[in-house]
Amino acid sequence: MAKIRVGRVGEQIKKELSQLIQTELKDPRIGFLTVTGVDVTNDLSQAKVYLSVLGDEEQKANSLKALDKASGFLRSELGKRIRLRHTPELIFKFDESIAYGSHIEKLLGEIGKNESH
């Protein structure tokens, strides 16, 4: 039963954070950013927020810095929107799966080109 609740809380955090980042944060360092997933610990003390950022490494780093700076604000806003006894600590990480997937696709495309010659 607890696993189901943790999953629901994670989905709710993902939805609310996406909305907060798009509408409330006015930091120019935050580029085109998507919240791809949220992993919440079983005791709901921490939430790892996985992000996908469009742009180069510098833009990614700037977005991460801006989010770390705004994490207190985001956490308090989450607390207002989601009724939990304790709002989880937010840990922002890059979701490398999209970049990894496109890299694999590119490699497969190159293999296909080489075989046709």
PDB file of N, CA and C in Angstrom:
ATOM      1  N   MET A   1       0.821  -1.199   0.000  1.00  0.00           N
ATOM      2  CA  MET A   1       0.000   0.000   0.000  1.00  0.00           C
ATOM      3  C   MET A   1       0.865   1.263   0.000  1.00  0.00           C
ATOM      4  N   ALA A   2       1.970   1.233   0.756  1.00  0.00           N
ATOM      5  CA  ALA A   2       2.839   2.404   0.856  1.00  0.00           C
ATOM      6  C   ALA A   2       3.468   2.742  -0.491  1.00  0.00           C
ATOM      7  N   LYS A   3       3.819   1.698  -1.261  1.00  0.00           N
ATOM      8  CA  LYS A   3       4.447   1.919  -2.582  1.00  0.00           C
ATOM      9  C   LYS A   3       3.513   2.697  -3.507  1.00  0.00           C
ATOM     10  N   ILE A   4       2.225   2.381  -3.451  1.00  0.00           N
ATOM     11  CA  ILE A   4       1.248   3.054  -4.292  1.00  0.00           C
ATOM     12  C   ILE A   4       1.173   4.534  -3.915  1.00  0.00           C
ATOM     13  N   ARG A   5       1.179   4.822  -2.613  1.00  0.00           N
ATOM     14  CA  ARG A   5       1.106   6.203  -2.141  1.00  0.00           C
ATOM     15  C   ARG A   5       2.352   6.975  -2.568  1.00  0.00           C
ATOM     16  N   VAL A   6       3.516   6.368  -2.427  1.00  0.00           N
ATOM     17  CA  VAL A   6       4.766   7.025  -2.816  1.00  0.00           C
ATOM     18  C   VAL A   6       4.732   7.369  -4.302  1.00  0.00           C
ATOM     19  N   GLY A   7       4.228   6.448  -5.115  1.00  0.00           N
ATOM     20  CA  GLY A   7       4.104   6.699  -6.547  1.00  0.00           C
ATOM     21  C   GLY A   7       3.161   7.843  -6.854  1.00  0.00           C
ATOM     22  N   ARG A   8       2.028   7.877  -6.144  1.00  0.00           N
ATOM     23  CA  ARG A   8       1.058   8.959  -6.352  1.00  0.00           C
ATOM     24  C   ARG A   8       1.630  10.302  -5.933  1.00  0.00           C
ATOM     25  N   VAL A   9       2.323  10.322  -4.806  1.00  0.00           N
ATOM     26  CA  VAL A   9       2.941  11.564  -4.321  1.00  0.00           C
ATOM     27  C   VAL A   9       3.988  12.037  -5.328  1.00  0.00           C
ATOM     28  N   GLY A  10       4.793  11.106  -5.861  1.00  0.00           N
ATOM     29  CA  GLY A  10       5.798  11.447  -6.860  1.00  0.00           C
ATOM     30  C   GLY A  10       5.182  12.069  -8.101  1.00  0.00           C
ATOM     31  N   GLU A  11       4.097  11.474  -8.576  1.00  0.00           N
ATOM     32  CA  GLU A  11       3.412  12.011  -9.762  1.00  0.00           C
ATOM     33  C   GLU A  11       2.842  13.402  -9.492  1.00  0.00           C
ATOM     34  N   GLN A  12       2.293  13.579  -8.298  1.00  0.00           N
ATOM     35  CA  GLN A  12       1.725  14.879  -7.930  1.00  0.00           C
ATOM     36  C   GLN A  12       2.820  15.947  -7.853  1.00  0.00           C
ATOM     37  N   ILE A  13       3.966  15.575  -7.269  1.00  0.00           N
ATOM     38  CA  ILE A  13       5.097  16.504  -7.183  1.00  0.00           C
ATOM     39  C   ILE A  13       5.574  16.869  -8.582  1.00  0.00           C
ATOM     40  N   LYS A  14       5.659  15.878  -9.463  1.00  0.00           N
ATOM     41  CA  LYS A  14       6.090  16.127 -10.848  1.00  0.00           C
ATOM     42  C   LYS A  14       5.161  17.134 -11.526  1.00  0.00           C
ATOM     43  N   LYS A  15       3.870  16.932 -11.383  1.00  0.00           N
ATOM     44  CA  LYS A  15       2.883  17.803 -12.009  1.00  0.00           C
ATOM     45  C   LYS A  15       2.979  19.226 -11.459  1.00  0.00           C
ATOM     46  N   GLU A  16       3.017  19.342 -10.138  1.00  0.00           N
ATOM     47  CA  GLU A  16       3.050  20.663  -9.503  1.00  0.00           C
ATOM     48  C   GLU A  16       4.359  21.392  -9.797  1.00  0.00           C
ATOM     49  N   LEU A  17       5.494  20.668  -9.763  1.00  0.00           N
ATOM     50  CA  LEU A  17       6.788  21.292 -10.035  1.00  0.00           C
ATOM     51  C   LEU A  17       6.865  21.807 -11.471  1.00  0.00           C
ATOM     52  N   SER A  18       6.355  21.030 -12.411  1.00  0.00           N
ATOM     53  CA  SER A  18       6.348  21.462 -13.814  1.00  0.00           C
ATOM     54  C   SER A  18       5.597  22.782 -13.943  1.00  0.00           C
ATOM     55  N   GLN A  19       4.451  22.842 -13.300  1.00  0.00           N
ATOM     56  CA  GLN A  19       3.634  24.040 -13.349  1.00  0.00           C
ATOM     57  C   GLN A  19       4.335  25.213 -12.668  1.00  0.00           C
ATOM     58  N   LEU A  20       4.913  24.965 -11.496  1.00  0.00           N
ATOM     59  CA  LEU A  20       5.610  26.024 -10.752  1.00  0.00           C
ATOM     60  C   LEU A  20       6.790  26.591 -11.539  1.00  0.00           C
ATOM     61  N   ILE A  21       7.586  25.706 -12.126  1.00  0.00           N
ATOM     62  CA  ILE A  21       8.776  26.149 -12.851  1.00  0.00           C
ATOM     63  C   ILE A  21       8.370  26.989 -14.058  1.00  0.00           C
ATOM     64  N   GLN A  22       7.308  26.590 -14.741  1.00  0.00           N
ATOM     65  CA  GLN A  22       6.879  27.325 -15.931  1.00  0.00           C
ATOM     66  C   GLN A  22       6.228  28.659 -15.589  1.00  0.00           C
ATOM     67  N   THR A  23       5.437  28.706 -14.525  1.00  0.00           N
ATOM     68  CA  THR A  23       4.649  29.914 -14.270  1.00  0.00           C
ATOM     69  C   THR A  23       5.246  30.835 -13.213  1.00  0.00           C
ATOM     70  N   GLU A  24       5.860  30.294 -12.168  1.00  0.00           N
ATOM     71  CA  GLU A  24       6.279  31.120 -11.035  1.00  0.00           C
ATOM     72  C   GLU A  24       7.731  31.578 -11.094  1.00  0.00           C
ATOM     73  N   LEU A  25       8.624  30.751 -11.635  1.00  0.00           N
ATOM     74  CA  LEU A  25      10.040  31.109 -11.643  1.00  0.00           C
ATOM     75  C   LEU A  25      10.344  32.057 -12.797  1.00  0.00           C
ATOM     76  N   LYS A  26      10.928  33.190 -12.454  1.00  0.00           N
ATOM     77  CA  LYS A  26      11.233  34.197 -13.479  1.00  0.00           C
ATOM     78  C   LYS A  26      12.736  34.326 -13.709  1.00  0.00           C
ATOM     79  N   ASP A  27      13.505  33.336 -13.268  1.00  0.00           N
ATOM     80  CA  ASP A  27      14.956  33.387 -13.407  1.00  0.00           C
ATOM     81  C   ASP A  27      15.338  33.192 -14.875  1.00  0.00           C
ATOM     82  N   PRO A  28      16.070  34.140 -15.463  1.00  0.00           N
ATOM     83  CA  PRO A  28      16.424  34.015 -16.886  1.00  0.00           C
ATOM     84  C   PRO A  28      17.406  32.879 -17.174  1.00  0.00           C
ATOM     85  N   ARG A  29      18.076  32.365 -16.131  1.00  0.00           N
ATOM     86  CA  ARG A  29      19.034  31.278 -16.344  1.00  0.00           C
ATOM     87  C   ARG A  29      18.340  29.962 -16.654  1.00  0.00           C
ATOM     88  N   ILE A  30      17.074  29.849 -16.281  1.00  0.00           N
ATOM     89  CA  ILE A  30      16.345  28.597 -16.521  1.00  0.00           C
ATOM     90  C   ILE A  30      15.896  28.580 -17.972  1.00  0.00           C
ATOM     91  N   GLY A  31      16.434  27.638 -18.718  1.00  0.00           N
ATOM     92  CA  GLY A  31      16.107  27.530 -20.130  1.00  0.00           C
ATOM     93  C   GLY A  31      14.856  26.701 -20.339  1.00  0.00           C
ATOM     94  N   PHE A  32      14.787  26.090 -21.514  1.00  0.00           N
ATOM     95  CA  PHE A  32      13.656  25.213 -21.822  1.00  0.00           C
ATOM     96  C   PHE A  32      13.859  23.914 -21.058  1.00  0.00           C
ATOM     97  N   LEU A  33      13.051  23.688 -20.060  1.00  0.00           N
ATOM     98  CA  LEU A  33      13.277  22.629 -19.093  1.00  0.00           C
ATOM     99  C   LEU A  33      12.017  21.779 -18.940  1.00  0.00           C
ATOM    100  N   THR A  34      12.201  20.478 -18.840  1.00  0.00           N
ATOM    101  CA  THR A  34      11.085  19.556 -18.646  1.00  0.00           C
ATOM    102  C   THR A  34      11.379  18.675 -17.449  1.00  0.00           C
ATOM    103  N   VAL A  35      10.389  18.509 -16.576  1.00  0.00           N
ATOM    104  CA  VAL A  35      10.516  17.565 -15.472  1.00  0.00           C
ATOM    105  C   VAL A  35      10.119  16.202 -16.020  1.00  0.00           C
ATOM    106  N   THR A  36      11.087  15.274 -16.105  1.00  0.00           N
ATOM    107  CA  THR A  36      10.806  13.981 -16.727  1.00  0.00           C
ATOM    108  C   THR A  36      10.368  12.925 -15.715  1.00  0.00           C
ATOM    109  N   GLY A  37      10.716  13.112 -14.453  1.00  0.00           N
ATOM    110  CA  GLY A  37      10.316  12.133 -13.452  1.00  0.00           C
ATOM    111  C   GLY A  37      10.686  12.571 -12.051  1.00  0.00           C
ATOM    112  N   VAL A  38      10.047  11.943 -11.069  1.00  0.00           N
ATOM    113  CA  VAL A  38      10.346  12.219  -9.669  1.00  0.00           C
ATOM    114  C   VAL A  38      10.390  10.887  -8.926  1.00  0.00           C
ATOM    115  N   ASP A  39      11.518  10.636  -8.233  1.00  0.00           N
ATOM    116  CA  ASP A  39      11.633   9.465  -7.367  1.00  0.00           C
ATOM    117  C   ASP A  39      11.574   9.931  -5.924  1.00  0.00           C
ATOM    118  N   VAL A  40      10.595   9.438  -5.184  1.00  0.00           N
ATOM    119  CA  VAL A  40      10.442   9.835  -3.793  1.00  0.00           C
ATOM    120  C   VAL A  40      10.856   8.659  -2.914  1.00  0.00           C
ATOM    121  N   THR A  41      11.603   8.948  -1.834  1.00  0.00           N
ATOM    122  CA  THR A  41      11.986   7.890  -0.901  1.00  0.00           C
ATOM    123  C   THR A  41      10.735   7.395  -0.168  1.00  0.00           C
ATOM    124  N   ASN A  42      10.812   6.184   0.390  1.00  0.00           N
ATOM    125  CA  ASN A  42       9.646   5.583   1.044  1.00  0.00           C
ATOM    126  C   ASN A  42       9.121   6.410   2.214  1.00  0.00           C
ATOM    127  N   ASP A  43      10.027   7.106   2.907  1.00  0.00           N
ATOM    128  CA  ASP A  43       9.577   7.923   4.039  1.00  0.00           C
ATOM    129  C   ASP A  43       9.200   9.346   3.628  1.00  0.00           C
ATOM    130  N   LEU A  44       9.195   9.612   2.325  1.00  0.00           N
ATOM    131  CA  LEU A  44       8.822  10.905   1.754  1.00  0.00           C
ATOM    132  C   LEU A  44       9.705  12.056   2.239  1.00  0.00           C
ATOM    133  N   SER A  45      10.964  11.769   2.593  1.00  0.00           N
ATOM    134  CA  SER A  45      11.851  12.821   3.085  1.00  0.00           C
ATOM    135  C   SER A  45      12.613  13.494   1.945  1.00  0.00           C
ATOM    136  N   GLN A  46      12.848  12.768   0.854  1.00  0.00           N
ATOM    137  CA  GLN A  46      13.580  13.315  -0.281  1.00  0.00           C
ATOM    138  C   GLN A  46      12.872  12.974  -1.579  1.00  0.00           C
ATOM    139  N   ALA A  47      12.995  13.902  -2.516  1.00  0.00           N
ATOM    140  CA  ALA A  47      12.453  13.671  -3.858  1.00  0.00           C
ATOM    141  C   ALA A  47      13.536  14.024  -4.862  1.00  0.00           C
ATOM    142  N   LYS A  48      13.963  13.025  -5.639  1.00  0.00           N
ATOM    143  CA  LYS A  48      14.913  13.285  -6.724  1.00  0.00           C
ATOM    144  C   LYS A  48      14.106  13.690  -7.941  1.00  0.00           C
ATOM    145  N   VAL A  49      14.362  14.897  -8.419  1.00  0.00           N
ATOM    146  CA  VAL A  49      13.624  15.439  -9.559  1.00  0.00           C
ATOM    147  C   VAL A  49      14.524  15.339 -10.781  1.00  0.00           C
ATOM    148  N   TYR A  50      14.095  14.563 -11.771  1.00  0.00           N
ATOM    149  CA  TYR A  50      14.883  14.382 -12.991  1.00  0.00           C
ATOM    150  C   TYR A  50      14.434  15.379 -14.046  1.00  0.00           C
ATOM    151  N   LEU A  51      15.426  16.070 -14.625  1.00  0.00           N
ATOM    152  CA  LEU A  51      15.150  17.149 -15.566  1.00  0.00           C
ATOM    153  C   LEU A  51      15.787  16.885 -16.914  1.00  0.00           C
ATOM    154  N   SER A  52      15.136  17.357 -17.934  1.00  0.00           N
ATOM    155  CA  SER A  52      15.703  17.363 -19.277  1.00  0.00           C
ATOM    156  C   SER A  52      15.764  18.821 -19.704  1.00  0.00           C
ATOM    157  N   VAL A  53      16.974  19.282 -20.070  1.00  0.00           N
ATOM    158  CA  VAL A  53      17.171  20.679 -20.442  1.00  0.00           C
ATOM    159  C   VAL A  53      17.650  20.740 -21.888  1.00  0.00           C
ATOM    160  N   LEU A  54      16.996  21.581 -22.669  1.00  0.00           N
ATOM    161  CA  LEU A  54      17.413  21.783 -24.049  1.00  0.00           C
ATOM    162  C   LEU A  54      18.563  22.779 -24.065  1.00  0.00           C
ATOM    163  N   GLY A  55      19.661  22.437 -24.724  1.00  0.00           N
ATOM    164  CA  GLY A  55      20.778  23.364 -24.808  1.00  0.00           C
ATOM    165  C   GLY A  55      22.099  22.684 -24.519  1.00  0.00           C
ATOM    166  N   ASP A  56      23.151  23.491 -24.482  1.00  0.00           N
ATOM    167  CA  ASP A  56      24.493  22.955 -24.247  1.00  0.00           C
ATOM    168  C   ASP A  56      24.759  22.774 -22.746  1.00  0.00           C
ATOM    169  N   GLU A  57      25.972  22.336 -22.443  1.00  0.00           N
ATOM    170  CA  GLU A  57      26.331  22.042 -21.047  1.00  0.00           C
ATOM    171  C   GLU A  57      26.239  23.281 -20.159  1.00  0.00           C
ATOM    172  N   GLU A  58      26.617  24.438 -20.709  1.00  0.00           N
ATOM    173  CA  GLU A  58      26.579  25.673 -19.912  1.00  0.00           C
ATOM    174  C   GLU A  58      25.144  26.039 -19.536  1.00  0.00           C
ATOM    175  N   GLN A  59      24.224  25.895 -20.491  1.00  0.00           N
ATOM    176  CA  GLN A  59      22.816  26.182 -20.214  1.00  0.00           C
ATOM    177  C   GLN A  59      22.259  25.211 -19.179  1.00  0.00           C
ATOM    178  N   LYS A  60      22.679  23.936 -19.264  1.00  0.00           N
ATOM    179  CA  LYS A  60      22.239  22.940 -18.295  1.00  0.00           C
ATOM    180  C   LYS A  60      22.728  23.314 -16.900  1.00  0.00           C
ATOM    181  N   ALA A  61      24.014  23.686 -16.806  1.00  0.00           N
ATOM    182  CA  ALA A  61      24.598  24.050 -15.516  1.00  0.00           C
ATOM    183  C   ALA A  61      23.907  25.282 -14.930  1.00  0.00           C
ATOM    184  N   ASN A  62      23.638  26.277 -15.782  1.00  0.00           N
ATOM    185  CA  ASN A  62      22.957  27.489 -15.306  1.00  0.00           C
ATOM    186  C   ASN A  62      21.550  27.182 -14.818  1.00  0.00           C
ATOM    187  N   SER A  63      20.836  26.320 -15.533  1.00  0.00           N
ATOM    188  CA  SER A  63      19.485  25.940 -15.115  1.00  0.00           C
ATOM    189  C   SER A  63      19.510  25.238 -13.773  1.00  0.00           C
ATOM    190  N   LEU A  64      20.497  24.347 -13.597  1.00  0.00           N
ATOM    191  CA  LEU A  64      20.609  23.611 -12.340  1.00  0.00           C
ATOM    192  C   LEU A  64      20.928  24.552 -11.179  1.00  0.00           C
ATOM    193  N   LYS A  65      21.836  25.514 -11.413  1.00  0.00           N
ATOM    194  CA  LYS A  65      22.165  26.501 -10.373  1.00  0.00           C
ATOM    195  C   LYS A  65      20.933  27.303  -9.974  1.00  0.00           C
ATOM    196  N   ALA A  66      20.184  27.746 -10.969  1.00  0.00           N
ATOM    197  CA  ALA A  66      18.991  28.552 -10.704  1.00  0.00           C
ATOM    198  C   ALA A  66      17.959  27.750  -9.918  1.00  0.00           C
ATOM    199  N   LEU A  67      17.787  26.471 -10.268  1.00  0.00           N
ATOM    200  CA  LEU A  67      16.822  25.634  -9.553  1.00  0.00           C
ATOM    201  C   LEU A  67      17.274  25.361  -8.124  1.00  0.00           C
ATOM    202  N   ASP A  68      18.583  25.132  -7.936  1.00  0.00           N
ATOM    203  CA  ASP A  68      19.094  24.924  -6.578  1.00  0.00           C
ATOM    204  C   ASP A  68      18.841  26.158  -5.720  1.00  0.00           C
ATOM    205  N   LYS A  69      19.024  27.328  -6.312  1.00  0.00           N
ATOM    206  CA  LYS A  69      18.802  28.581  -5.594  1.00  0.00           C
ATOM    207  C   LYS A  69      17.320  28.740  -5.244  1.00  0.00           C
ATOM    208  N   ALA A  70      16.440  28.288  -6.132  1.00  0.00           N
ATOM    209  CA  ALA A  70      14.993  28.447  -5.942  1.00  0.00           C
ATOM    210  C   ALA A  70      14.365  27.262  -5.218  1.00  0.00           C
ATOM    211  N   SER A  71      15.175  26.277  -4.795  1.00  0.00           N
ATOM    212  CA  SER A  71      14.590  25.057  -4.222  1.00  0.00           C
ATOM    213  C   SER A  71      13.789  25.338  -2.953  1.00  0.00           C
ATOM    214  N   GLY A  72      14.209  26.300  -2.141  1.00  0.00           N
ATOM    215  CA  GLY A  72      13.447  26.656  -0.932  1.00  0.00           C
ATOM    216  C   GLY A  72      12.070  27.184  -1.282  1.00  0.00           C
ATOM    217  N   PHE A  73      12.036  28.075  -2.272  1.00  0.00           N
ATOM    218  CA  PHE A  73      10.759  28.626  -2.744  1.00  0.00           C
ATOM    219  C   PHE A  73       9.875  27.518  -3.309  1.00  0.00           C
ATOM    220  N   LEU A  74      10.474  26.663  -4.159  1.00  0.00           N
ATOM    221  CA  LEU A  74       9.700  25.581  -4.780  1.00  0.00           C
ATOM    222  C   LEU A  74       9.154  24.632  -3.721  1.00  0.00           C
ATOM    223  N   ARG A  75       9.968  24.339  -2.726  1.00  0.00           N
ATOM    224  CA  ARG A  75       9.543  23.421  -1.658  1.00  0.00           C
ATOM    225  C   ARG A  75       8.396  24.021  -0.854  1.00  0.00           C
ATOM    226  N   SER A  76       8.477  25.315  -0.529  1.00  0.00           N
ATOM    227  CA  SER A  76       7.390  25.932   0.243  1.00  0.00           C
ATOM    228  C   SER A  76       6.107  26.000  -0.571  1.00  0.00           C
ATOM    229  N   GLU A  77       6.233  26.293  -1.885  1.00  0.00           N
ATOM    230  CA  GLU A  77       5.047  26.316  -2.745  1.00  0.00           C
ATOM    231  C   GLU A  77       4.434  24.921  -2.871  1.00  0.00           C
ATOM    232  N   LEU A  78       5.299  23.894  -2.967  1.00  0.00           N
ATOM    233  CA  LEU A  78       4.795  22.512  -3.011  1.00  0.00           C
ATOM    234  C   LEU A  78       4.027  22.194  -1.744  1.00  0.00           C
ATOM    235  N   GLY A  79       4.568  22.650  -0.612  1.00  0.00           N
ATOM    236  CA  GLY A  79       3.911  22.421   0.678  1.00  0.00           C
ATOM    237  C   GLY A  79       2.523  23.033   0.727  1.00  0.00           C
ATOM    238  N   LYS A  80       2.349  24.179   0.077  1.00  0.00           N
ATOM    239  CA  LYS A  80       1.032  24.826   0.051  1.00  0.00           C
ATOM    240  C   LYS A  80       0.067  24.074  -0.857  1.00  0.00           C
ATOM    241  N   ARG A  81       0.598  23.529  -1.960  1.00  0.00           N
ATOM    242  CA  ARG A  81      -0.260  22.887  -2.960  1.00  0.00           C
ATOM    243  C   ARG A  81      -0.577  21.426  -2.640  1.00  0.00           C
ATOM    244  N   ILE A  82       0.380  20.730  -2.013  1.00  0.00           N
ATOM    245  CA  ILE A  82       0.176  19.311  -1.684  1.00  0.00           C
ATOM    246  C   ILE A  82       0.133  19.195  -0.169  1.00  0.00           C
ATOM    247  N   ARG A  83      -0.911  18.611   0.349  1.00  0.00           N
ATOM    248  CA  ARG A  83      -1.059  18.481   1.791  1.00  0.00           C
ATOM    249  C   ARG A  83      -0.276  17.268   2.296  1.00  0.00           C
ATOM    250  N   LEU A  84       0.948  17.538   2.752  1.00  0.00           N
ATOM    251  CA  LEU A  84       1.783  16.497   3.355  1.00  0.00           C
ATOM    252  C   LEU A  84       2.266  17.006   4.710  1.00  0.00           C
ATOM    253  N   ARG A  85       2.527  16.099   5.617  1.00  0.00           N
ATOM    254  CA  ARG A  85       3.042  16.516   6.923  1.00  0.00           C
ATOM    255  C   ARG A  85       4.402  17.183   6.762  1.00  0.00           C
ATOM    256  N   HIS A  86       5.274  16.561   5.964  1.00  0.00           N
ATOM    257  CA  HIS A  86       6.588  17.136   5.671  1.00  0.00           C
ATOM    258  C   HIS A  86       6.770  17.177   4.165  1.00  0.00           C
ATOM    259  N   THR A  87       7.143  18.326   3.656  1.00  0.00           N
ATOM    260  CA  THR A  87       7.426  18.438   2.224  1.00  0.00           C
ATOM    261  C   THR A  87       8.817  17.868   1.973  1.00  0.00           C
ATOM    262  N   PRO A  88       8.964  16.973   1.005  1.00  0.00           N
ATOM    263  CA  PRO A  88      10.273  16.348   0.768  1.00  0.00           C
ATOM    264  C   PRO A  88      11.334  17.362   0.330  1.00  0.00           C
ATOM    265  N   GLU A  89      12.575  17.057   0.682  1.00  0.00           N
ATOM    266  CA  GLU A  89      13.709  17.851   0.214  1.00  0.00           C
ATOM    267  C   GLU A  89      13.872  17.562  -1.277  1.00  0.00           C
ATOM    268  N   LEU A  90      14.071  18.611  -2.071  1.00  0.00           N
ATOM    269  CA  LEU A  90      14.170  18.454  -3.525  1.00  0.00           C
ATOM    270  C   LEU A  90      15.629  18.346  -3.946  1.00  0.00           C
ATOM    271  N   ILE A  91      15.937  17.311  -4.709  1.00  0.00           N
ATOM    272  CA  ILE A  91      17.282  17.112  -5.254  1.00  0.00           C
ATOM    273  C   ILE A  91      17.136  17.068  -6.770  1.00  0.00           C
ATOM    274  N   PHE A  92      17.763  18.022  -7.448  1.00  0.00           N
ATOM    275  CA  PHE A  92      17.625  18.108  -8.901  1.00  0.00           C
ATOM    276  C   PHE A  92      18.763  17.369  -9.587  1.00  0.00           C
ATOM    277  N   LYS A  93      18.402  16.536 -10.579  1.00  0.00           N
ATOM    278  CA  LYS A  93      19.393  15.777 -11.352  1.00  0.00           C
ATOM    279  C   LYS A  93      18.991  15.817 -12.818  1.00  0.00           C
ATOM    280  N   PHE A  94      19.993  15.664 -13.678  1.00  0.00           N
ATOM    281  CA  PHE A  94      19.698  15.604 -15.111  1.00  0.00           C
ATOM    282  C   PHE A  94      19.278  14.197 -15.492  1.00  0.00           C
ATOM    283  N   ASP A  95      18.290  14.113 -16.356  1.00  0.00           N
ATOM    284  CA  ASP A  95      17.845  12.833 -16.892  1.00  0.00           C
ATOM    285  C   ASP A  95      18.642  12.591 -18.162  1.00  0.00           C
ATOM    286  N   GLU A  96      19.606  11.702 -18.063  1.00  0.00           N
ATOM    287  CA  GLU A  96      20.490  11.436 -19.198  1.00  0.00           C
ATOM    288  C   GLU A  96      19.879  10.456 -20.192  1.00  0.00           C
ATOM    289  N   SER A  97      18.726   9.884 -19.869  1.00  0.00           N
ATOM    290  CA  SER A  97      18.163   8.832 -20.713  1.00  0.00           C
ATOM    291  C   SER A  97      17.787   9.346 -22.103  1.00  0.00           C
ATOM    292  N   ILE A  98      17.323  10.589 -22.204  1.00  0.00           N
ATOM    293  CA  ILE A  98      16.936  11.126 -23.512  1.00  0.00           C
ATOM    294  C   ILE A  98      18.173  11.327 -24.376  1.00  0.00           C
ATOM    295  N   ALA A  99      19.216  11.924 -23.793  1.00  0.00           N
ATOM    296  CA  ALA A  99      20.465  12.130 -24.526  1.00  0.00           C
ATOM    297  C   ALA A  99      21.082  10.787 -24.911  1.00  0.00           C
ATOM    298  N   TYR A 100      21.022   9.834 -23.981  1.00  0.00           N
ATOM    299  CA  TYR A 100      21.563   8.505 -24.238  1.00  0.00           C
ATOM    300  C   TYR A 100      20.799   7.841 -25.380  1.00  0.00           C
ATOM    301  N   GLY A 101      19.485   7.967 -25.368  1.00  0.00           N
ATOM    302  CA  GLY A 101      18.653   7.379 -26.418  1.00  0.00           C
ATOM    303  C   GLY A 101      18.958   7.965 -27.789  1.00  0.00           C
ATOM    304  N   SER A 102      19.132   9.287 -27.853  1.00  0.00           N
ATOM    305  CA  SER A 102      19.428   9.904 -29.151  1.00  0.00           C
ATOM    306  C   SER A 102      20.833   9.530 -29.617  1.00  0.00           C
ATOM    307  N   HIS A 103      21.766   9.342 -28.688  1.00  0.00           N
ATOM    308  CA  HIS A 103      23.125   8.905 -29.035  1.00  0.00           C
ATOM    309  C   HIS A 103      23.082   7.500 -29.642  1.00  0.00           C
ATOM    310  N   ILE A 104      22.325   6.600 -29.029  1.00  0.00           N
ATOM    311  CA  ILE A 104      22.185   5.227 -29.535  1.00  0.00           C
ATOM    312  C   ILE A 104      21.544   5.244 -30.925  1.00  0.00           C
ATOM    313  N   GLU A 105      20.512   6.087 -31.093  1.00  0.00           N
ATOM    314  CA  GLU A 105      19.849   6.191 -32.391  1.00  0.00           C
ATOM    315  C   GLU A 105      20.828   6.643 -33.472  1.00  0.00           C
ATOM    316  N   LYS A 106      21.668   7.623 -33.123  1.00  0.00           N
ATOM    317  CA  LYS A 106      22.662   8.139 -34.064  1.00  0.00           C
ATOM    318  C   LYS A 106      23.649   7.035 -34.449  1.00  0.00           C
ATOM    319  N   LEU A 107      24.113   6.269 -33.448  1.00  0.00           N
ATOM    320  CA  LEU A 107      25.044   5.168 -33.714  1.00  0.00           C
ATOM    321  C   LEU A 107      24.410   4.112 -34.614  1.00  0.00           C
ATOM    322  N   LEU A 108      23.161   3.778 -34.341  1.00  0.00           N
ATOM    323  CA  LEU A 108      22.459   2.793 -35.173  1.00  0.00           C
ATOM    324  C   LEU A 108      22.300   3.308 -36.598  1.00  0.00           C
ATOM    325  N   GLY A 109      22.037   4.609 -36.738  1.00  0.00           N
ATOM    326  CA  GLY A 109      21.927   5.202 -38.066  1.00  0.00           C
ATOM    327  C   GLY A 109      23.236   5.106 -38.836  1.00  0.00           C
ATOM    328  N   GLU A 110      24.361   5.332 -38.130  1.00  0.00           N
ATOM    329  CA  GLU A 110      25.676   5.237 -38.765  1.00  0.00           C
ATOM    330  C   GLU A 110      25.976   3.800 -39.191  1.00  0.00           C
ATOM    331  N   ILE A 111      25.583   2.850 -38.367  1.00  0.00           N
ATOM    332  CA  ILE A 111      25.791   1.438 -38.709  1.00  0.00           C
ATOM    333  C   ILE A 111      24.994   1.098 -39.967  1.00  0.00           C
ATOM    334  N   GLY A 112      23.757   1.590 -40.027  1.00  0.00           N
ATOM    335  CA  GLY A 112      22.912   1.352 -41.194  1.00  0.00           C
ATOM    336  C   GLY A 112      23.513   1.920 -42.470  1.00  0.00           C
ATOM    337  N   LYS A 113      24.102   3.104 -42.378  1.00  0.00           N
ATOM    338  CA  LYS A 113      24.730   3.741 -43.548  1.00  0.00           C
ATOM    339  C   LYS A 113      25.936   2.923 -44.013  1.00  0.00           C
ATOM    340  N   ASN A 114      26.741   2.466 -43.070  1.00  0.00           N
ATOM    341  CA  ASN A 114      27.950   1.703 -43.394  1.00  0.00           C
ATOM    342  C   ASN A 114      27.629   0.373 -44.053  1.00  0.00           C
ATOM    343  N   GLU A 115      26.537  -0.269 -43.631  1.00  0.00           N
ATOM    344  CA  GLU A 115      26.183  -1.555 -44.214  1.00  0.00           C
ATOM    345  C   GLU A 115      25.648  -1.434 -45.630  1.00  0.00           C
ATOM    346  N   SER A 116      25.039  -0.284 -45.957  1.00  0.00           N
ATOM    347  CA  SER A 116      24.452  -0.128 -47.284  1.00  0.00           C
ATOM    348  C   SER A 116      25.513   0.187 -48.354  1.00  0.00           C
ATOM    349  N   HIS A 117      26.730   0.533 -47.924  1.00  0.00           N
ATOM    350  CA  HIS A 117      27.805   0.839 -48.897  1.00  0.00           C
ATOM    351  C   HIS A 117      28.549  -0.375 -49.322  1.00  0.00           C
TER     352      HIS A 117
END
